[in-house]
Amino acid sequence: MLVTLNEILEIVREKNCAVGAFNTPTLECITAVLDAAEKLDVPVIISHAELHEEVAPLSVIGPVMVSAAKNAKIPVCVHLDHCETLSYMEQALKMGFTGVMYDGSMLPYEENVANTKKAVAMAIQYGANVEAEIGQLSSREGGERENKGGPVYTDPGLAAKFCQETGIDALAPSFGTAHGIYKSKPVLDLARVKLISEMTGLPLVMHGGSGVSDEDYRRAIKNGISKINYYSYMAQAGANAVKKLLENEDVIFFHDLALVAQRAMEDNARKAMQVFCI
């Protein structure tokens, strides 16, 4: 069943756990994530990132995501991830997305605030909720816009000010995670997460959640993380399954590749969900 971002965050906060937010740029991803969540009977978020527009246009994949959420047996939020343009955000809201993440983290603080406030006002008109970001991660999914200097850690005082000024529903702080595949184990500033949680009172979001250790996931959740964005390692699991099939089979059709990738992604997503919310 389709629910809002706030509704799904309330569910996991009451259970002292976190909801997995999985980017789903293909039908195989959507099916893998929802099948895993239904088998575990846990809530889940399926997301579309603006940078995946070339992989799957919002106009095509968005309605599929909303329809799948409405027919799911567990609570599902359909979320727009890392949206940098308000016109693109409005497209998603008109389709029925129930959560949006406005990303003005690369902008000067005042401009980020101004645009985030517009995003909040827009989302309210559609009964949706807003996540926003302050601070920067060291890279983006897909390898775009890499910050060569590394992550810019979120200042707790500025985070509290940002939340108060914008009226957002969830905050994505920077505390040491990175988008994409980790080349070395990430070192997370989880004390910063706890302080930001205490100062803002809002659900916090871990971006770049793939590849974090189970122990760090659990510590992050304990310190205030309520939503964990997860994609890279799930997508990698699908690709690895395809590689293995190609190495061992002579005659293969595309649907065989899609199915083996879907099953591998479901298994990977299920394991992540078991850590986040079981």
C-alpha atoms as a PDB file:
ATOM      1  CA  MET A   1       0.000   0.000   0.000  1.00  0.00           C
ATOM      2  CA  LEU A   2       1.193   3.474  -0.848  1.00  0.00           C
ATOM      3  CA  VAL A   3       2.083   5.643   2.171  1.00  0.00           C
ATOM      4  CA  THR A   4       3.852   8.956   2.693  1.00  0.00           C
ATOM      5  CA  LEU A   5       7.452   9.440   3.742  1.00  0.00           C
ATOM      6  CA  ASN A   6       6.334  10.649   7.178  1.00  0.00           C
ATOM      7  CA  GLU A   7       4.052   7.654   7.653  1.00  0.00           C
ATOM      8  CA  ILE A   8       6.769   5.140   6.862  1.00  0.00           C
ATOM      9  CA  LEU A   9       9.302   6.962   9.040  1.00  0.00           C
ATOM     10  CA  GLU A  10       6.847   6.906  11.925  1.00  0.00           C
ATOM     11  CA  ILE A  11       6.480   3.128  11.542  1.00  0.00           C
ATOM     12  CA  VAL A  12      10.207   2.489  11.834  1.00  0.00           C
ATOM     13  CA  ARG A  13      10.790   5.042  14.582  1.00  0.00           C
ATOM     14  CA  GLU A  14       8.197   3.283  16.728  1.00  0.00           C
ATOM     15  CA  LYS A  15      10.066   0.009  16.120  1.00  0.00           C
ATOM     16  CA  ASN A  16      13.485   1.603  16.761  1.00  0.00           C
ATOM     17  CA  CYS A  17      14.721   0.497  13.361  1.00  0.00           C
ATOM     18  CA  ALA A  18      15.263   2.018   9.902  1.00  0.00           C
ATOM     19  CA  VAL A  19      13.581   1.723   6.529  1.00  0.00           C
ATOM     20  CA  GLY A  20      15.617   0.811   3.472  1.00  0.00           C
ATOM     21  CA  ALA A  21      15.278   3.201   0.535  1.00  0.00           C
ATOM     22  CA  PHE A  22      16.280   1.448  -2.667  1.00  0.00           C
ATOM     23  CA  ASN A  23      16.774   3.135  -6.019  1.00  0.00           C
ATOM     24  CA  THR A  24      14.735   1.237  -8.598  1.00  0.00           C
ATOM     25  CA  PRO A  25      15.577   2.463 -12.119  1.00  0.00           C
ATOM     26  CA  THR A  26      14.374  -0.783 -13.749  1.00  0.00           C
ATOM     27  CA  LEU A  27      11.409  -3.119 -13.423  1.00  0.00           C
ATOM     28  CA  GLU A  28      13.790  -5.831 -12.165  1.00  0.00           C
ATOM     29  CA  CYS A  29      14.893  -3.534  -9.331  1.00  0.00           C
ATOM     30  CA  ILE A  30      11.309  -2.676  -8.387  1.00  0.00           C
ATOM     31  CA  THR A  31      10.277  -6.336  -8.336  1.00  0.00           C
ATOM     32  CA  ALA A  32      13.377  -7.432  -6.428  1.00  0.00           C
ATOM     33  CA  VAL A  33      12.925  -4.842  -3.678  1.00  0.00           C
ATOM     34  CA  LEU A  34       9.181  -5.298  -3.213  1.00  0.00           C
ATOM     35  CA  ASP A  35       9.421  -9.095  -3.248  1.00  0.00           C
ATOM     36  CA  ALA A  36      12.122  -8.965  -0.572  1.00  0.00           C
ATOM     37  CA  ALA A  37      10.108  -6.558   1.599  1.00  0.00           C
ATOM     38  CA  GLU A  38       6.917  -8.602   1.294  1.00  0.00           C
ATOM     39  CA  LYS A  39       8.670 -11.837   2.240  1.00  0.00           C
ATOM     40  CA  LEU A  40      10.105 -10.155   5.345  1.00  0.00           C
ATOM     41  CA  ASP A  41       6.895  -8.165   6.015  1.00  0.00           C
ATOM     42  CA  VAL A  42       8.768  -4.887   6.449  1.00  0.00           C
ATOM     43  CA  PRO A  43       8.018  -1.390   5.111  1.00  0.00           C
ATOM     44  CA  VAL A  44      10.187  -0.128   2.273  1.00  0.00           C
ATOM     45  CA  ILE A  45      10.915   2.901   0.108  1.00  0.00           C
ATOM     46  CA  ILE A  46      11.427   2.649  -3.656  1.00  0.00           C
ATOM     47  CA  SER A  47      13.223   5.650  -5.112  1.00  0.00           C
ATOM     48  CA  HIS A  48      14.039   7.271  -8.419  1.00  0.00           C
ATOM     49  CA  ALA A  49      17.098   9.520  -8.626  1.00  0.00           C
ATOM     50  CA  GLU A  50      17.154  12.410 -11.073  1.00  0.00           C
ATOM     51  CA  LEU A  51      20.566  11.257 -12.316  1.00  0.00           C
ATOM     52  CA  HIS A  52      18.956   7.989 -13.474  1.00  0.00           C
ATOM     53  CA  GLU A  53      16.819   9.873 -15.989  1.00  0.00           C
ATOM     54  CA  GLU A  54      18.895   8.450 -18.859  1.00  0.00           C
ATOM     55  CA  VAL A  55      18.524   4.917 -17.514  1.00  0.00           C
ATOM     56  CA  ALA A  56      14.757   5.206 -17.052  1.00  0.00           C
ATOM     57  CA  PRO A  57      12.876   8.465 -17.682  1.00  0.00           C
ATOM     58  CA  LEU A  58      10.694   9.552 -14.765  1.00  0.00           C
ATOM     59  CA  SER A  59       7.741   9.714 -17.152  1.00  0.00           C
ATOM     60  CA  VAL A  60       8.137   5.981 -17.824  1.00  0.00           C
ATOM     61  CA  ILE A  61       9.329   4.454 -14.547  1.00  0.00           C
ATOM     62  CA  GLY A  62       7.438   6.768 -12.174  1.00  0.00           C
ATOM     63  CA  PRO A  63       3.912   5.501 -12.897  1.00  0.00           C
ATOM     64  CA  VAL A  64       5.186   1.910 -12.712  1.00  0.00           C
ATOM     65  CA  MET A  65       6.641   2.575  -9.255  1.00  0.00           C
ATOM     66  CA  VAL A  66       3.427   4.175  -7.980  1.00  0.00           C
ATOM     67  CA  SER A  67       1.270   1.347  -9.335  1.00  0.00           C
ATOM     68  CA  ALA A  68       3.553  -1.286  -7.810  1.00  0.00           C
ATOM     69  CA  ALA A  69       3.444   0.470  -4.425  1.00  0.00           C
ATOM     70  CA  LYS A  70      -0.342   0.650  -4.441  1.00  0.00           C
ATOM     71  CA  ASN A  71      -0.548  -3.090  -5.081  1.00  0.00           C
ATOM     72  CA  ALA A  72       2.101  -4.102  -2.537  1.00  0.00           C
ATOM     73  CA  LYS A  73       1.221  -6.026   0.614  1.00  0.00           C
ATOM     74  CA  ILE A  74       3.442  -3.879   2.836  1.00  0.00           C
ATOM     75  CA  PRO A  75       3.681  -0.082   3.361  1.00  0.00           C
ATOM     76  CA  VAL A  76       5.631   1.488   0.492  1.00  0.00           C
ATOM     77  CA  CYS A  77       6.724   5.090  -0.003  1.00  0.00           C
ATOM     78  CA  VAL A  78       7.559   6.153  -3.554  1.00  0.00           C
ATOM     79  CA  HIS A  79      10.359   8.671  -3.234  1.00  0.00           C
ATOM     80  CA  LEU A  80      12.255  11.059  -5.500  1.00  0.00           C
ATOM     81  CA  ASP A  81      15.951  10.934  -4.628  1.00  0.00           C
ATOM     82  CA  HIS A  82      18.534  13.706  -5.143  1.00  0.00           C
ATOM     83  CA  CYS A  83      16.277  16.065  -7.071  1.00  0.00           C
ATOM     84  CA  GLU A  84      18.004  19.327  -7.943  1.00  0.00           C
ATOM     85  CA  THR A  85      15.311  21.020 -10.033  1.00  0.00           C
ATOM     86  CA  LEU A  86      11.904  21.960  -8.696  1.00  0.00           C
ATOM     87  CA  SER A  87      10.196  21.427 -12.056  1.00  0.00           C
ATOM     88  CA  TYR A  88      11.391  17.808 -12.058  1.00  0.00           C
ATOM     89  CA  MET A  89      10.124  17.450  -8.499  1.00  0.00           C
ATOM     90  CA  GLU A  90       6.694  18.669  -9.498  1.00  0.00           C
ATOM     91  CA  GLN A  91       6.533  16.017 -12.231  1.00  0.00           C
ATOM     92  CA  ALA A  92       7.061  13.320  -9.611  1.00  0.00           C
ATOM     93  CA  LEU A  93       4.522  14.811  -7.221  1.00  0.00           C
ATOM     94  CA  LYS A  94       1.889  14.968  -9.955  1.00  0.00           C
ATOM     95  CA  MET A  95       2.464  11.255 -10.616  1.00  0.00           C
ATOM     96  CA  GLY A  96       1.735  10.405  -6.996  1.00  0.00           C
ATOM     97  CA  PHE A  97       5.189  10.257  -5.392  1.00  0.00           C
ATOM     98  CA  THR A  98       4.714  10.544  -1.638  1.00  0.00           C
ATOM     99  CA  GLY A  99       8.213  11.663  -0.692  1.00  0.00           C
ATOM    100  CA  VAL A 100      10.776  13.913  -2.355  1.00  0.00           C
ATOM    101  CA  MET A 101      14.380  14.714  -1.538  1.00  0.00           C
ATOM    102  CA  TYR A 102      15.452  18.189  -2.619  1.00  0.00           C
ATOM    103  CA  ASP A 103      19.244  18.309  -2.908  1.00  0.00           C
ATOM    104  CA  GLY A 104      20.666  21.809  -2.656  1.00  0.00           C
ATOM    105  CA  SER A 105      23.785  20.656  -0.837  1.00  0.00           C
ATOM    106  CA  MET A 106      26.098  22.001  -3.531  1.00  0.00           C
ATOM    107  CA  LEU A 107      24.556  25.467  -3.285  1.00  0.00           C
ATOM    108  CA  PRO A 108      25.415  28.290  -0.871  1.00  0.00           C
ATOM    109  CA  TYR A 109      23.526  27.875   2.412  1.00  0.00           C
ATOM    110  CA  GLU A 110      20.993  30.673   1.847  1.00  0.00           C
ATOM    111  CA  GLU A 111      20.159  29.447  -1.646  1.00  0.00           C
ATOM    112  CA  ASN A 112      19.748  25.903  -0.355  1.00  0.00           C
ATOM    113  CA  VAL A 113      17.350  27.195   2.307  1.00  0.00           C
ATOM    114  CA  ALA A 114      15.329  29.253  -0.178  1.00  0.00           C
ATOM    115  CA  ASN A 115      14.919  26.390  -2.645  1.00  0.00           C
ATOM    116  CA  THR A 116      14.184  23.844   0.072  1.00  0.00           C
ATOM    117  CA  LYS A 117      11.396  26.050   1.411  1.00  0.00           C
ATOM    118  CA  LYS A 118       9.894  26.120  -2.090  1.00  0.00           C
ATOM    119  CA  ALA A 119      10.148  22.330  -2.237  1.00  0.00           C
ATOM    120  CA  VAL A 120       8.340  22.013   1.100  1.00  0.00           C
ATOM    121  CA  ALA A 121       5.548  24.355  -0.008  1.00  0.00           C
ATOM    122  CA  MET A 122       5.157  22.416  -3.247  1.00  0.00           C
ATOM    123  CA  ALA A 123       5.096  19.013  -1.537  1.00  0.00           C
ATOM    124  CA  ILE A 124       2.425  20.141   0.924  1.00  0.00           C
ATOM    125  CA  GLN A 125       0.101  20.839  -2.000  1.00  0.00           C
ATOM    126  CA  TYR A 126       0.341  17.177  -2.992  1.00  0.00           C
ATOM    127  CA  GLY A 127       0.249  15.665   0.498  1.00  0.00           C
ATOM    128  CA  ALA A 128       3.881  14.574   0.281  1.00  0.00           C
ATOM    129  CA  ASN A 129       6.876  15.046   2.582  1.00  0.00           C
ATOM    130  CA  VAL A 130      10.357  16.446   2.036  1.00  0.00           C
ATOM    131  CA  GLU A 131      13.851  15.247   2.826  1.00  0.00           C
ATOM    132  CA  ALA A 132      16.750  17.644   2.306  1.00  0.00           C
ATOM    133  CA  GLU A 133      20.510  17.579   2.613  1.00  0.00           C
ATOM    134  CA  ILE A 134      23.102  19.783   4.254  1.00  0.00           C
ATOM    135  CA  GLY A 135      26.775  18.887   3.888  1.00  0.00           C
ATOM    136  CA  GLN A 136      28.206  16.969   0.931  1.00  0.00           C
ATOM    137  CA  LEU A 137      29.178  13.372   0.318  1.00  0.00           C
ATOM    138  CA  SER A 138      32.433  12.601  -1.486  1.00  0.00           C
ATOM    139  CA  SER A 139      30.769  11.355  -4.668  1.00  0.00           C
ATOM    140  CA  ARG A 140      27.451  10.681  -6.359  1.00  0.00           C
ATOM    141  CA  GLU A 141      25.805   7.531  -7.601  1.00  0.00           C
ATOM    142  CA  GLY A 142      26.969   7.022 -11.158  1.00  0.00           C
ATOM    143  CA  GLY A 143      30.254   8.808 -10.443  1.00  0.00           C
ATOM    144  CA  GLU A 144      28.986  12.305 -11.167  1.00  0.00           C
ATOM    145  CA  ARG A 145      29.935  15.507  -9.370  1.00  0.00           C
ATOM    146  CA  GLU A 146      32.678  13.996  -7.270  1.00  0.00           C
ATOM    147  CA  ASN A 147      33.855  16.224  -4.460  1.00  0.00           C
ATOM    148  CA  LYS A 148      37.644  15.870  -4.746  1.00  0.00           C
ATOM    149  CA  GLY A 149      38.210  17.221  -1.254  1.00  0.00           C
ATOM    150  CA  GLY A 150      36.194  14.456   0.397  1.00  0.00           C
ATOM    151  CA  PRO A 151      32.988  14.824   2.387  1.00  0.00           C
ATOM    152  CA  VAL A 152      31.977  18.106   3.949  1.00  0.00           C
ATOM    153  CA  TYR A 153      30.704  17.039   7.371  1.00  0.00           C
ATOM    154  CA  THR A 154      27.447  18.564   8.542  1.00  0.00           C
ATOM    155  CA  ASP A 155      27.684  21.097  11.351  1.00  0.00           C
ATOM    156  CA  PRO A 156      25.076  20.141  13.999  1.00  0.00           C
ATOM    157  CA  GLY A 157      24.217  23.751  14.848  1.00  0.00           C
ATOM    158  CA  LEU A 158      23.768  24.672  11.209  1.00  0.00           C
ATOM    159  CA  ALA A 159      21.677  21.528  10.689  1.00  0.00           C
ATOM    160  CA  ALA A 160      19.299  22.588  13.477  1.00  0.00           C
ATOM    161  CA  LYS A 161      19.020  26.061  11.977  1.00  0.00           C
ATOM    162  CA  PHE A 162      18.424  24.609   8.505  1.00  0.00           C
ATOM    163  CA  CYS A 163      15.624  22.333   9.712  1.00  0.00           C
ATOM    164  CA  GLN A 164      13.925  25.147  11.599  1.00  0.00           C
ATOM    165  CA  GLU A 165      14.111  27.554   8.669  1.00  0.00           C
ATOM    166  CA  THR A 166      12.919  25.125   6.005  1.00  0.00           C
ATOM    167  CA  GLY A 167      10.266  22.999   7.746  1.00  0.00           C
ATOM    168  CA  ILE A 168      11.544  19.754   6.225  1.00  0.00           C
ATOM    169  CA  ASP A 169      10.437  16.330   7.447  1.00  0.00           C
ATOM    170  CA  ALA A 170      13.762  14.447   7.306  1.00  0.00           C
ATOM    171  CA  LEU A 171      17.406  15.467   7.101  1.00  0.00           C
ATOM    172  CA  ALA A 172      20.313  13.836   5.280  1.00  0.00           C
ATOM    173  CA  PRO A 173      23.526  14.857   7.071  1.00  0.00           C
ATOM    174  CA  SER A 174      27.049  14.107   5.923  1.00  0.00           C
ATOM    175  CA  PHE A 175      28.980  12.013   8.442  1.00  0.00           C
ATOM    176  CA  GLY A 176      31.456   9.930   6.465  1.00  0.00           C
ATOM    177  CA  THR A 177      29.515   7.780   4.012  1.00  0.00           C
ATOM    178  CA  ALA A 178      29.999   8.052   0.249  1.00  0.00           C
ATOM    179  CA  HIS A 179      27.964   7.150  -2.800  1.00  0.00           C
ATOM    180  CA  GLY A 180      29.082   4.260  -4.965  1.00  0.00           C
ATOM    181  CA  ILE A 181      31.438   1.370  -4.205  1.00  0.00           C
ATOM    182  CA  TYR A 182      33.821   1.810  -1.275  1.00  0.00           C
ATOM    183  CA  LYS A 183      37.528   1.326  -2.009  1.00  0.00           C
ATOM    184  CA  SER A 184      38.231   1.164   1.736  1.00  0.00           C
ATOM    185  CA  LYS A 185      36.111   0.777   4.860  1.00  0.00           C
ATOM    186  CA  PRO A 186      34.268   4.031   5.624  1.00  0.00           C
ATOM    187  CA  VAL A 187      34.957   5.730   8.928  1.00  0.00           C
ATOM    188  CA  LEU A 188      31.695   7.137  10.226  1.00  0.00           C
ATOM    189  CA  ASP A 189      31.284   9.985  12.717  1.00  0.00           C
ATOM    190  CA  LEU A 190      28.339   8.456  14.537  1.00  0.00           C
ATOM    191  CA  ALA A 191      28.695  10.808  17.505  1.00  0.00           C
ATOM    192  CA  ARG A 192      27.907  13.596  15.048  1.00  0.00           C
ATOM    193  CA  VAL A 193      24.786  11.722  13.969  1.00  0.00           C
ATOM    194  CA  LYS A 194      23.577  11.469  17.563  1.00  0.00           C
ATOM    195  CA  LEU A 195      24.163  15.165  18.200  1.00  0.00           C
ATOM    196  CA  ILE A 196      22.376  16.189  15.008  1.00  0.00           C
ATOM    197  CA  SER A 197      19.465  13.921  15.932  1.00  0.00           C
ATOM    198  CA  GLU A 198      19.204  15.500  19.368  1.00  0.00           C
ATOM    199  CA  MET A 199      19.457  19.063  18.035  1.00  0.00           C
ATOM    200  CA  THR A 200      17.000  18.686  15.133  1.00  0.00           C
ATOM    201  CA  GLY A 201      14.510  16.151  16.509  1.00  0.00           C
ATOM    202  CA  LEU A 202      13.970  14.885  12.952  1.00  0.00           C
ATOM    203  CA  PRO A 203      14.423  11.458  11.359  1.00  0.00           C
ATOM    204  CA  LEU A 204      17.902  11.326   9.822  1.00  0.00           C
ATOM    205  CA  VAL A 205      18.872   9.708   6.529  1.00  0.00           C
ATOM    206  CA  MET A 206      22.039   7.813   5.648  1.00  0.00           C
ATOM    207  CA  HIS A 207      23.030   8.417   2.047  1.00  0.00           C
ATOM    208  CA  GLY A 208      25.619   6.138   0.491  1.00  0.00           C
ATOM    209  CA  GLY A 209      24.352   3.332   2.684  1.00  0.00           C
ATOM    210  CA  SER A 210      25.622   0.440   0.546  1.00  0.00           C
ATOM    211  CA  GLY A 211      28.762  -1.228   1.841  1.00  0.00           C
ATOM    212  CA  VAL A 212      28.515  -0.126   5.469  1.00  0.00           C
ATOM    213  CA  SER A 213      29.152  -2.867   8.044  1.00  0.00           C
ATOM    214  CA  ASP A 214      26.226  -4.422   9.914  1.00  0.00           C
ATOM    215  CA  GLU A 215      27.654  -3.091  13.162  1.00  0.00           C
ATOM    216  CA  ASP A 216      27.828   0.469  11.839  1.00  0.00           C
ATOM    217  CA  TYR A 217      24.291   0.213  10.445  1.00  0.00           C
ATOM    218  CA  ARG A 218      22.994  -0.759  13.874  1.00  0.00           C
ATOM    219  CA  ARG A 219      24.982   1.940  15.661  1.00  0.00           C
ATOM    220  CA  ALA A 220      23.792   4.545  13.171  1.00  0.00           C
ATOM    221  CA  ILE A 221      20.168   3.517  13.696  1.00  0.00           C
ATOM    222  CA  LYS A 222      20.618   3.701  17.460  1.00  0.00           C
ATOM    223  CA  ASN A 223      22.026   7.223  17.057  1.00  0.00           C
ATOM    224  CA  GLY A 224      19.118   8.550  14.999  1.00  0.00           C
ATOM    225  CA  ILE A 225      19.226   7.185  11.440  1.00  0.00           C
ATOM    226  CA  SER A 226      15.700   6.223  10.337  1.00  0.00           C
ATOM    227  CA  LYS A 227      16.172   5.845   6.566  1.00  0.00           C
ATOM    228  CA  ILE A 228      19.079   4.170   4.785  1.00  0.00           C
ATOM    229  CA  ASN A 229      19.596   4.752   1.071  1.00  0.00           C
ATOM    230  CA  TYR A 230      20.880   1.609  -0.623  1.00  0.00           C
ATOM    231  CA  TYR A 231      21.568   0.870  -4.284  1.00  0.00           C
ATOM    232  CA  SER A 232      25.156   0.385  -5.463  1.00  0.00           C
ATOM    233  CA  TYR A 233      25.853  -2.987  -3.866  1.00  0.00           C
ATOM    234  CA  MET A 234      22.436  -4.332  -4.822  1.00  0.00           C
ATOM    235  CA  ALA A 235      23.026  -3.318  -8.440  1.00  0.00           C
ATOM    236  CA  GLN A 236      26.501  -4.812  -8.312  1.00  0.00           C
ATOM    237  CA  ALA A 237      25.051  -8.100  -7.044  1.00  0.00           C
ATOM    238  CA  GLY A 238      22.765  -8.204 -10.079  1.00  0.00           C
ATOM    239  CA  ALA A 239      25.650  -7.531 -12.448  1.00  0.00           C
ATOM    240  CA  ASN A 240      27.829 -10.192 -10.836  1.00  0.00           C
ATOM    241  CA  ALA A 241      25.060 -12.765 -11.222  1.00  0.00           C
ATOM    242  CA  VAL A 242      24.801 -11.931 -14.913  1.00  0.00           C
ATOM    243  CA  LYS A 243      28.577 -12.282 -15.350  1.00  0.00           C
ATOM    244  CA  LYS A 244      28.483 -15.700 -13.709  1.00  0.00           C
ATOM    245  CA  LEU A 245      25.644 -16.861 -15.952  1.00  0.00           C
ATOM    246  CA  LEU A 246      27.439 -15.663 -19.080  1.00  0.00           C
ATOM    247  CA  GLU A 247      30.555 -17.588 -18.053  1.00  0.00           C
ATOM    248  CA  ASN A 248      28.649 -20.871 -17.676  1.00  0.00           C
ATOM    249  CA  GLU A 249      25.967 -20.829 -20.378  1.00  0.00           C
ATOM    250  CA  ASP A 250      26.277 -21.021 -24.170  1.00  0.00           C
ATOM    251  CA  VAL A 251      22.800 -19.929 -25.259  1.00  0.00           C
ATOM    252  CA  ILE A 252      21.181 -17.167 -23.250  1.00  0.00           C
ATOM    253  CA  PHE A 253      18.300 -14.815 -23.898  1.00  0.00           C
ATOM    254  CA  PHE A 254      18.026 -11.338 -22.418  1.00  0.00           C
ATOM    255  CA  HIS A 255      15.153 -12.343 -20.153  1.00  0.00           C
ATOM    256  CA  ASP A 256      17.427 -14.982 -18.613  1.00  0.00           C
ATOM    257  CA  LEU A 257      19.928 -12.249 -17.740  1.00  0.00           C
ATOM    258  CA  ALA A 258      17.210 -10.005 -16.337  1.00  0.00           C
ATOM    259  CA  LEU A 259      15.775 -12.777 -14.179  1.00  0.00           C
ATOM    260  CA  VAL A 260      19.078 -13.893 -12.686  1.00  0.00           C
ATOM    261  CA  ALA A 261      19.932 -10.246 -11.936  1.00  0.00           C
ATOM    262  CA  GLN A 262      16.537  -9.721 -10.302  1.00  0.00           C
ATOM    263  CA  ARG A 263      16.920 -12.747  -8.049  1.00  0.00           C
ATOM    264  CA  ALA A 264      20.421 -11.712  -6.996  1.00  0.00           C
ATOM    265  CA  MET A 265      19.256  -8.173  -6.230  1.00  0.00           C
ATOM    266  CA  GLU A 266      16.341  -9.508  -4.208  1.00  0.00           C
ATOM    267  CA  ASP A 267      18.706 -11.616  -2.116  1.00  0.00           C
ATOM    268  CA  ASN A 268      21.023  -8.656  -1.542  1.00  0.00           C
ATOM    269  CA  ALA A 269      18.160  -6.303  -0.668  1.00  0.00           C
ATOM    270  CA  ARG A 270      16.667  -8.876   1.707  1.00  0.00           C
ATOM    271  CA  LYS A 271      19.924  -9.173   3.629  1.00  0.00           C
ATOM    272  CA  ALA A 272      20.107  -5.384   3.963  1.00  0.00           C
ATOM    273  CA  MET A 273      16.490  -5.155   5.159  1.00  0.00           C
ATOM    274  CA  GLN A 274      17.135  -7.804   7.789  1.00  0.00           C
ATOM    275  CA  VAL A 275      19.814  -5.586   9.290  1.00  0.00           C
ATOM    276  CA  PHE A 276      17.809  -2.369   8.987  1.00  0.00           C
ATOM    277  CA  CYS A 277      14.459  -3.503  10.322  1.00  0.00           C
ATOM    278  CA  ILE A 278      14.385  -7.050  11.708  1.00  0.00           C
END
